[in-house]
PDB file of all heavy atoms in Angstrom:
ATOM      1  N   GLU A   1     -10.585   3.268  -1.429  1.00  0.00           N
ATOM      2  CA  GLU A   1      -9.677   2.457  -0.624  1.00  0.00           C
ATOM      3  C   GLU A   1      -9.657   0.978  -1.016  1.00  0.00           C
ATOM      4  O   GLU A   1      -8.588   0.390  -1.170  1.00  0.00           O
ATOM      5  CB  GLU A   1     -10.082   2.618   0.841  1.00  0.00           C
ATOM      6  CG  GLU A   1      -9.166   1.982   1.823  1.00  0.00           C
ATOM      7  CD  GLU A   1      -9.635   2.261   3.239  1.00  0.00           C
ATOM      8  OE1 GLU A   1     -10.534   1.546   3.713  1.00  0.00           O
ATOM      9  OE2 GLU A   1      -9.107   3.201   3.850  1.00  0.00           O
ATOM     10  N   ASP A   2     -10.816   0.376  -1.177  1.00  0.00           N
ATOM     11  CA  ASP A   2     -10.866  -1.061  -1.478  1.00  0.00           C
ATOM     12  C   ASP A   2     -10.269  -1.383  -2.848  1.00  0.00           C
ATOM     13  O   ASP A   2      -9.533  -2.356  -2.999  1.00  0.00           O
ATOM     14  CB  ASP A   2     -12.298  -1.587  -1.385  1.00  0.00           C
ATOM     15  CG  ASP A   2     -12.818  -1.592   0.047  1.00  0.00           C
ATOM     16  OD1 ASP A   2     -11.994  -1.633   0.981  1.00  0.00           O
ATOM     17  OD2 ASP A   2     -14.048  -1.546   0.229  1.00  0.00           O
ATOM     18  N   ALA A   3     -10.563  -0.566  -3.846  1.00  0.00           N
ATOM     19  CA  ALA A   3     -10.018  -0.798  -5.188  1.00  0.00           C
ATOM     20  C   ALA A   3      -8.495  -0.652  -5.183  1.00  0.00           C
ATOM     21  O   ALA A   3      -7.784  -1.445  -5.806  1.00  0.00           O
ATOM     22  CB  ALA A   3     -10.644   0.158  -6.194  1.00  0.00           C
ATOM     23  N   LEU A   4      -7.990   0.341  -4.484  1.00  0.00           N
ATOM     24  CA  LEU A   4      -6.540   0.519  -4.393  1.00  0.00           C
ATOM     25  C   LEU A   4      -5.890  -0.639  -3.632  1.00  0.00           C
ATOM     26  O   LEU A   4      -4.810  -1.099  -3.998  1.00  0.00           O
ATOM     27  CB  LEU A   4      -6.204   1.857  -3.741  1.00  0.00           C
ATOM     28  CG  LEU A   4      -6.494   3.073  -4.612  1.00  0.00           C
ATOM     29  CD1 LEU A   4      -6.394   4.352  -3.784  1.00  0.00           C
ATOM     30  CD2 LEU A   4      -5.546   3.122  -5.794  1.00  0.00           C
ATOM     31  N   ALA A   5      -6.557  -1.100  -2.578  1.00  0.00           N
ATOM     32  CA  ALA A   5      -6.026  -2.234  -1.819  1.00  0.00           C
ATOM     33  C   ALA A   5      -5.904  -3.464  -2.710  1.00  0.00           C
ATOM     34  O   ALA A   5      -4.885  -4.166  -2.679  1.00  0.00           O
ATOM     35  CB  ALA A   5      -6.929  -2.526  -0.615  1.00  0.00           C
ATOM     36  N   ARG A   6      -6.916  -3.732  -3.518  1.00  0.00           N
ATOM     37  CA  ARG A   6      -6.847  -4.881  -4.442  1.00  0.00           C
ATOM     38  C   ARG A   6      -5.732  -4.681  -5.467  1.00  0.00           C
ATOM     39  O   ARG A   6      -4.971  -5.603  -5.755  1.00  0.00           O
ATOM     40  CB  ARG A   6      -8.186  -5.069  -5.148  1.00  0.00           C
ATOM     41  CG  ARG A   6      -9.235  -5.765  -4.305  1.00  0.00           C
ATOM     42  CD  ARG A   6     -10.461  -6.139  -5.111  1.00  0.00           C
ATOM     43  NE  ARG A   6     -11.097  -5.009  -5.773  1.00  0.00           N
ATOM     44  CZ  ARG A   6     -11.969  -4.176  -5.200  1.00  0.00           C
ATOM     45  NH1 ARG A   6     -12.307  -4.355  -3.940  1.00  0.00           N
ATOM     46  NH2 ARG A   6     -12.509  -3.185  -5.879  1.00  0.00           N
ATOM     47  N   ARG A   7      -5.637  -3.483  -6.009  1.00  0.00           N
ATOM     48  CA  ARG A   7      -4.633  -3.204  -7.056  1.00  0.00           C
ATOM     49  C   ARG A   7      -3.207  -3.396  -6.562  1.00  0.00           C
ATOM     50  O   ARG A   7      -2.340  -3.887  -7.284  1.00  0.00           O
ATOM     51  CB  ARG A   7      -4.823  -1.780  -7.560  1.00  0.00           C
ATOM     52  CG  ARG A   7      -3.830  -1.379  -8.616  1.00  0.00           C
ATOM     53  CD  ARG A   7      -4.125   0.000  -9.133  1.00  0.00           C
ATOM     54  NE  ARG A   7      -3.101   0.435 -10.056  1.00  0.00           N
ATOM     55  CZ  ARG A   7      -3.025   1.649 -10.549  1.00  0.00           C
ATOM     56  NH1 ARG A   7      -3.925   2.551 -10.240  1.00  0.00           N
ATOM     57  NH2 ARG A   7      -2.060   1.960 -11.373  1.00  0.00           N
ATOM     58  N   PHE A   8      -2.955  -3.002  -5.302  1.00  0.00           N
ATOM     59  CA  PHE A   8      -1.586  -3.047  -4.785  1.00  0.00           C
ATOM     60  C   PHE A   8      -1.358  -4.139  -3.749  1.00  0.00           C
ATOM     61  O   PHE A   8      -0.323  -4.177  -3.105  1.00  0.00           O
ATOM     62  CB  PHE A   8      -1.201  -1.673  -4.232  1.00  0.00           C
ATOM     63  CG  PHE A   8      -1.178  -0.612  -5.296  1.00  0.00           C
ATOM     64  CD1 PHE A   8      -2.090   0.415  -5.287  1.00  0.00           C
ATOM     65  CD2 PHE A   8      -0.246  -0.667  -6.327  1.00  0.00           C
ATOM     66  CE1 PHE A   8      -2.084   1.387  -6.280  1.00  0.00           C
ATOM     67  CE2 PHE A   8      -0.228   0.286  -7.328  1.00  0.00           C
ATOM     68  CZ  PHE A   8      -1.150   1.317  -7.304  1.00  0.00           C
ATOM     69  N   GLY A   9      -2.309  -5.049  -3.602  1.00  0.00           N
ATOM     70  CA  GLY A   9      -2.123  -6.193  -2.718  1.00  0.00           C
ATOM     71  C   GLY A   9      -2.122  -5.861  -1.238  1.00  0.00           C
ATOM     72  O   GLY A   9      -1.555  -6.603  -0.441  1.00  0.00           O
ATOM     73  N   VAL A  10      -2.755  -4.764  -0.851  1.00  0.00           N
ATOM     74  CA  VAL A  10      -2.811  -4.378   0.561  1.00  0.00           C
ATOM     75  C   VAL A  10      -3.789  -5.291   1.290  1.00  0.00           C
ATOM     76  O   VAL A  10      -4.924  -5.463   0.864  1.00  0.00           O
ATOM     77  CB  VAL A  10      -3.239  -2.900   0.713  1.00  0.00           C
ATOM     78  CG1 VAL A  10      -3.493  -2.553   2.168  1.00  0.00           C
ATOM     79  CG2 VAL A  10      -2.189  -1.987   0.103  1.00  0.00           C
ATOM     80  N   GLN A  11      -3.334  -5.872   2.388  1.00  0.00           N
ATOM     81  CA  GLN A  11      -4.173  -6.772   3.168  1.00  0.00           C
ATOM     82  C   GLN A  11      -4.272  -6.360   4.627  1.00  0.00           C
ATOM     83  O   GLN A  11      -4.910  -7.029   5.426  1.00  0.00           O
ATOM     84  CB  GLN A  11      -3.638  -8.203   3.066  1.00  0.00           C
ATOM     85  CG  GLN A  11      -3.686  -8.721   1.656  1.00  0.00           C
ATOM     86  CD  GLN A  11      -3.201 -10.151   1.583  1.00  0.00           C
ATOM     87  OE1 GLN A  11      -3.097 -10.862   2.571  1.00  0.00           O
ATOM     88  NE2 GLN A  11      -2.894 -10.587   0.385  1.00  0.00           N
ATOM     89  N   ARG A  12      -3.621  -5.261   4.981  1.00  0.00           N
ATOM     90  CA  ARG A  12      -3.604  -4.816   6.376  1.00  0.00           C
ATOM     91  C   ARG A  12      -3.678  -3.294   6.398  1.00  0.00           C
ATOM     92  O   ARG A  12      -3.067  -2.624   5.585  1.00  0.00           O
ATOM     93  CB  ARG A  12      -2.301  -5.297   7.013  1.00  0.00           C
ATOM     94  CG  ARG A  12      -2.203  -5.030   8.464  1.00  0.00           C
ATOM     95  CD  ARG A  12      -0.974  -5.737   9.028  1.00  0.00           C
ATOM     96  NE  ARG A  12      -0.682  -5.200  10.329  1.00  0.00           N
ATOM     97  CZ  ARG A  12       0.523  -5.071  10.828  1.00  0.00           C
ATOM     98  NH1 ARG A  12       1.569  -5.462  10.142  1.00  0.00           N
ATOM     99  NH2 ARG A  12       0.704  -4.566  12.023  1.00  0.00           N
ATOM    100  N   TRP A  13      -4.453  -2.790   7.348  1.00  0.00           N
ATOM    101  CA  TRP A  13      -4.619  -1.340   7.479  1.00  0.00           C
ATOM    102  C   TRP A  13      -4.038  -0.890   8.801  1.00  0.00           C
ATOM    103  O   TRP A  13      -4.106  -1.642   9.766  1.00  0.00           O
ATOM    104  CB  TRP A  13      -6.103  -0.983   7.423  1.00  0.00           C
ATOM    105  CG  TRP A  13      -6.647  -0.915   6.049  1.00  0.00           C
ATOM    106  CD1 TRP A  13      -6.939   0.223   5.366  1.00  0.00           C
ATOM    107  CD2 TRP A  13      -6.972  -1.989   5.166  1.00  0.00           C
ATOM    108  NE1 TRP A  13      -7.426  -0.088   4.109  1.00  0.00           N
ATOM    109  CE2 TRP A  13      -7.446  -1.447   3.972  1.00  0.00           C
ATOM    110  CE3 TRP A  13      -6.889  -3.372   5.261  1.00  0.00           C
ATOM    111  CZ2 TRP A  13      -7.846  -2.217   2.894  1.00  0.00           C
ATOM    112  CZ3 TRP A  13      -7.281  -4.145   4.190  1.00  0.00           C
ATOM    113  CH2 TRP A  13      -7.758  -3.568   3.025  1.00  0.00           C
ATOM    114  N   PRO A  14      -3.480   0.294   8.869  1.00  0.00           N
ATOM    115  CA  PRO A  14      -3.220   1.202   7.764  1.00  0.00           C
ATOM    116  C   PRO A  14      -2.030   0.721   6.946  1.00  0.00           C
ATOM    117  O   PRO A  14      -1.176  -0.013   7.438  1.00  0.00           O
ATOM    118  CB  PRO A  14      -2.899   2.525   8.445  1.00  0.00           C
ATOM    119  CG  PRO A  14      -2.291   2.120   9.752  1.00  0.00           C
ATOM    120  CD  PRO A  14      -3.004   0.853  10.150  1.00  0.00           C
ATOM    121  N   SER A  15      -1.995   1.142   5.689  1.00  0.00           N
ATOM    122  CA  SER A  15      -0.867   0.833   4.808  1.00  0.00           C
ATOM    123  C   SER A  15      -0.460   2.076   4.052  1.00  0.00           C
ATOM    124  O   SER A  15      -1.305   2.875   3.651  1.00  0.00           O
ATOM    125  CB  SER A  15      -1.228  -0.266   3.807  1.00  0.00           C
ATOM    126  OG  SER A  15      -1.265  -1.521   4.443  1.00  0.00           O
ATOM    127  N   ILE A  16       0.834   2.208   3.858  1.00  0.00           N
ATOM    128  CA  ILE A  16       1.388   3.274   3.028  1.00  0.00           C
ATOM    129  C   ILE A  16       1.955   2.588   1.794  1.00  0.00           C
ATOM    130  O   ILE A  16       2.822   1.714   1.904  1.00  0.00           O
ATOM    131  CB  ILE A  16       2.502   4.041   3.769  1.00  0.00           C
ATOM    132  CG1 ILE A  16       1.975   4.629   5.077  1.00  0.00           C
ATOM    133  CG2 ILE A  16       3.068   5.133   2.866  1.00  0.00           C
ATOM    134  CD1 ILE A  16       3.073   5.204   5.964  1.00  0.00           C
ATOM    135  N   VAL A  17       1.443   2.961   0.627  1.00  0.00           N
ATOM    136  CA  VAL A  17       1.890   2.380  -0.631  1.00  0.00           C
ATOM    137  C   VAL A  17       2.818   3.386  -1.308  1.00  0.00           C
ATOM    138  O   VAL A  17       2.465   4.551  -1.462  1.00  0.00           O
ATOM    139  CB  VAL A  17       0.696   2.038  -1.546  1.00  0.00           C
ATOM    140  CG1 VAL A  17       1.177   1.500  -2.888  1.00  0.00           C
ATOM    141  CG2 VAL A  17      -0.229   1.038  -0.868  1.00  0.00           C
ATOM    142  N   PHE A  18       3.975   2.929  -1.699  1.00  0.00           N
ATOM    143  CA  PHE A  18       4.951   3.782  -2.376  1.00  0.00           C
ATOM    144  C   PHE A  18       4.908   3.498  -3.868  1.00  0.00           C
ATOM    145  O   PHE A  18       5.013   2.338  -4.287  1.00  0.00           O
ATOM    146  CB  PHE A  18       6.368   3.508  -1.847  1.00  0.00           C
ATOM    147  CG  PHE A  18       6.575   4.005  -0.448  1.00  0.00           C
ATOM    148  CD1 PHE A  18       6.165   3.254   0.634  1.00  0.00           C
ATOM    149  CD2 PHE A  18       7.163   5.239  -0.226  1.00  0.00           C
ATOM    150  CE1 PHE A  18       6.339   3.707   1.930  1.00  0.00           C
ATOM    151  CE2 PHE A  18       7.345   5.712   1.069  1.00  0.00           C
ATOM    152  CZ  PHE A  18       6.924   4.948   2.148  1.00  0.00           C
ATOM    153  N   LEU A  19       4.758   4.551  -4.655  1.00  0.00           N
ATOM    154  CA  LEU A  19       4.749   4.463  -6.111  1.00  0.00           C
ATOM    155  C   LEU A  19       5.815   5.393  -6.648  1.00  0.00           C
ATOM    156  O   LEU A  19       6.112   6.425  -6.043  1.00  0.00           O
ATOM    157  CB  LEU A  19       3.391   4.886  -6.671  1.00  0.00           C
ATOM    158  CG  LEU A  19       2.159   4.172  -6.124  1.00  0.00           C
ATOM    159  CD1 LEU A  19       0.897   4.818  -6.654  1.00  0.00           C
ATOM    160  CD2 LEU A  19       2.197   2.693  -6.480  1.00  0.00           C
ATOM    161  N   ARG A  20       6.369   5.033  -7.788  1.00  0.00           N
ATOM    162  CA  ARG A  20       7.315   5.915  -8.476  1.00  0.00           C
ATOM    163  C   ARG A  20       6.906   5.949  -9.935  1.00  0.00           C
ATOM    164  O   ARG A  20       6.857   4.913 -10.597  1.00  0.00           O
ATOM    165  CB  ARG A  20       8.746   5.408  -8.326  1.00  0.00           C
ATOM    166  CG  ARG A  20       9.762   6.368  -8.930  1.00  0.00           C
ATOM    167  CD  ARG A  20      11.216   5.936  -8.703  1.00  0.00           C
ATOM    168  NE  ARG A  20      11.512   5.786  -7.284  1.00  0.00           N
ATOM    169  CZ  ARG A  20      11.843   4.621  -6.704  1.00  0.00           C
ATOM    170  NH1 ARG A  20      11.919   3.511  -7.403  1.00  0.00           N
ATOM    171  NH2 ARG A  20      12.103   4.573  -5.399  1.00  0.00           N
ATOM    172  N   ASP A  21       6.589   7.140 -10.425  1.00  0.00           N
ATOM    173  CA  ASP A  21       6.129   7.304 -11.811  1.00  0.00           C
ATOM    174  C   ASP A  21       4.977   6.347 -12.120  1.00  0.00           C
ATOM    175  O   ASP A  21       4.901   5.779 -13.211  1.00  0.00           O
ATOM    176  CB  ASP A  21       7.278   7.104 -12.800  1.00  0.00           C
ATOM    177  CG  ASP A  21       8.397   8.118 -12.602  1.00  0.00           C
ATOM    178  OD1 ASP A  21       8.085   9.287 -12.277  1.00  0.00           O
ATOM    179  OD2 ASP A  21       9.573   7.750 -12.770  1.00  0.00           O
ATOM    180  N   GLY A  22       4.094   6.137 -11.149  1.00  0.00           N
ATOM    181  CA  GLY A  22       2.927   5.275 -11.330  1.00  0.00           C
ATOM    182  C   GLY A  22       3.184   3.805 -11.109  1.00  0.00           C
ATOM    183  O   GLY A  22       2.253   3.012 -11.084  1.00  0.00           O
ATOM    184  N   GLY A  23       4.441   3.407 -10.960  1.00  0.00           N
ATOM    185  CA  GLY A  23       4.780   2.001 -10.753  1.00  0.00           C
ATOM    186  C   GLY A  23       4.918   1.670  -9.272  1.00  0.00           C
ATOM    187  O   GLY A  23       5.347   2.493  -8.476  1.00  0.00           O
ATOM    188  N   TYR A  24       4.569   0.456  -8.919  1.00  0.00           N
ATOM    189  CA  TYR A  24       4.618   0.007  -7.525  1.00  0.00           C
ATOM    190  C   TYR A  24       6.063  -0.133  -7.042  1.00  0.00           C
ATOM    191  O   TYR A  24       6.920  -0.666  -7.749  1.00  0.00           O
ATOM    192  CB  TYR A  24       3.905  -1.348  -7.391  1.00  0.00           C
ATOM    193  CG  TYR A  24       3.997  -1.921  -6.008  1.00  0.00           C
ATOM    194  CD1 TYR A  24       3.123  -1.516  -5.012  1.00  0.00           C
ATOM    195  CD2 TYR A  24       4.990  -2.833  -5.685  1.00  0.00           C
ATOM    196  CE1 TYR A  24       3.224  -2.026  -3.729  1.00  0.00           C
ATOM    197  CE2 TYR A  24       5.099  -3.345  -4.404  1.00  0.00           C
ATOM    198  CZ  TYR A  24       4.217  -2.932  -3.434  1.00  0.00           C
ATOM    199  OH  TYR A  24       4.326  -3.427  -2.171  1.00  0.00           O
ATOM    200  N   VAL A  25       6.316   0.335  -5.818  1.00  0.00           N
ATOM    201  CA  VAL A  25       7.642   0.198  -5.207  1.00  0.00           C
ATOM    202  C   VAL A  25       7.572  -0.642  -3.940  1.00  0.00           C
ATOM    203  O   VAL A  25       8.302  -1.618  -3.792  1.00  0.00           O
ATOM    204  CB  VAL A  25       8.257   1.581  -4.897  1.00  0.00           C
ATOM    205  CG1 VAL A  25       9.577   1.438  -4.168  1.00  0.00           C
ATOM    206  CG2 VAL A  25       8.432   2.389  -6.173  1.00  0.00           C
ATOM    207  N   ALA A  26       6.706  -0.272  -2.994  1.00  0.00           N
ATOM    208  CA  ALA A  26       6.669  -0.977  -1.706  1.00  0.00           C
ATOM    209  C   ALA A  26       5.401  -0.629  -0.950  1.00  0.00           C
ATOM    210  O   ALA A  26       4.731   0.355  -1.256  1.00  0.00           O
ATOM    211  CB  ALA A  26       7.884  -0.588  -0.862  1.00  0.00           C
ATOM    212  N   THR A  27       5.111  -1.423   0.052  1.00  0.00           N
ATOM    213  CA  THR A  27       4.020  -1.148   0.981  1.00  0.00           C
ATOM    214  C   THR A  27       4.558  -1.293   2.400  1.00  0.00           C
ATOM    215  O   THR A  27       5.281  -2.246   2.703  1.00  0.00           O
ATOM    216  CB  THR A  27       2.855  -2.136   0.794  1.00  0.00           C
ATOM    217  OG1 THR A  27       2.356  -2.012  -0.536  1.00  0.00           O
ATOM    218  CG2 THR A  27       1.721  -1.867   1.785  1.00  0.00           C
ATOM    219  N   VAL A  28       4.207  -0.352   3.237  1.00  0.00           N
ATOM    220  CA  VAL A  28       4.519  -0.426   4.667  1.00  0.00           C
ATOM    221  C   VAL A  28       3.172  -0.499   5.374  1.00  0.00           C
ATOM    222  O   VAL A  28       2.344   0.399   5.241  1.00  0.00           O
ATOM    223  CB  VAL A  28       5.317   0.812   5.136  1.00  0.00           C
ATOM    224  CG1 VAL A  28       5.553   0.758   6.626  1.00  0.00           C
ATOM    225  CG2 VAL A  28       6.635   0.912   4.375  1.00  0.00           C
ATOM    226  N   SER A  29       2.940  -1.591   6.105  1.00  0.00           N
ATOM    227  CA  SER A  29       1.639  -1.813   6.726  1.00  0.00           C
ATOM    228  C   SER A  29       1.707  -1.778   8.239  1.00  0.00           C
ATOM    229  O   SER A  29       2.698  -2.198   8.834  1.00  0.00           O
ATOM    230  CB  SER A  29       1.074  -3.171   6.288  1.00  0.00           C
ATOM    231  OG  SER A  29       0.841  -3.176   4.905  1.00  0.00           O
ATOM    232  N   GLY A  30       0.624  -1.304   8.836  1.00  0.00           N
ATOM    233  CA  GLY A  30       0.475  -1.283  10.283  1.00  0.00           C
ATOM    234  C   GLY A  30       1.036  -0.013  10.905  1.00  0.00           C
ATOM    235  O   GLY A  30       1.692   0.782  10.253  1.00  0.00           O
ATOM    236  N   MET A  31       0.736   0.165  12.165  1.00  0.00           N
ATOM    237  CA  MET A  31       1.312   1.262  12.934  1.00  0.00           C
ATOM    238  C   MET A  31       2.625   0.744  13.508  1.00  0.00           C
ATOM    239  O   MET A  31       2.667  -0.314  14.130  1.00  0.00           O
ATOM    240  CB  MET A  31       0.369   1.701  14.059  1.00  0.00           C
ATOM    241  CG  MET A  31      -0.883   2.407  13.564  1.00  0.00           C
ATOM    242  SD  MET A  31      -0.569   3.896  12.588  1.00  0.00           S
ATOM    243  CE  MET A  31       0.232   4.963  13.769  1.00  0.00           C
ATOM    244  N   LEU A  32       3.697   1.469  13.254  1.00  0.00           N
ATOM    245  CA  LEU A  32       5.025   1.027  13.636  1.00  0.00           C
ATOM    246  C   LEU A  32       5.678   2.009  14.600  1.00  0.00           C
ATOM    247  O   LEU A  32       5.251   3.156  14.713  1.00  0.00           O
ATOM    248  CB  LEU A  32       5.916   0.913  12.390  1.00  0.00           C
ATOM    249  CG  LEU A  32       5.401   0.067  11.232  1.00  0.00           C
ATOM    250  CD1 LEU A  32       6.360   0.154  10.055  1.00  0.00           C
ATOM    251  CD2 LEU A  32       5.203  -1.372  11.667  1.00  0.00           C
ATOM    252  N   ALA A  33       6.727   1.570  15.238  1.00  0.00           N
ATOM    253  CA  ALA A  33       7.562   2.469  16.019  1.00  0.00           C
ATOM    254  C   ALA A  33       8.212   3.451  15.044  1.00  0.00           C
ATOM    255  O   ALA A  33       8.455   3.118  13.874  1.00  0.00           O
ATOM    256  CB  ALA A  33       8.638   1.681  16.772  1.00  0.00           C
TER     257      ALA A  33
END
């Protein structure tokens, strides 16, 4: 978890990181409606 957070710039938990073909697309952080 920590290594992935550093790699993708995650600073808030929980986070969903979206990748496409191994490349970064987006992060959705926190519990949302």
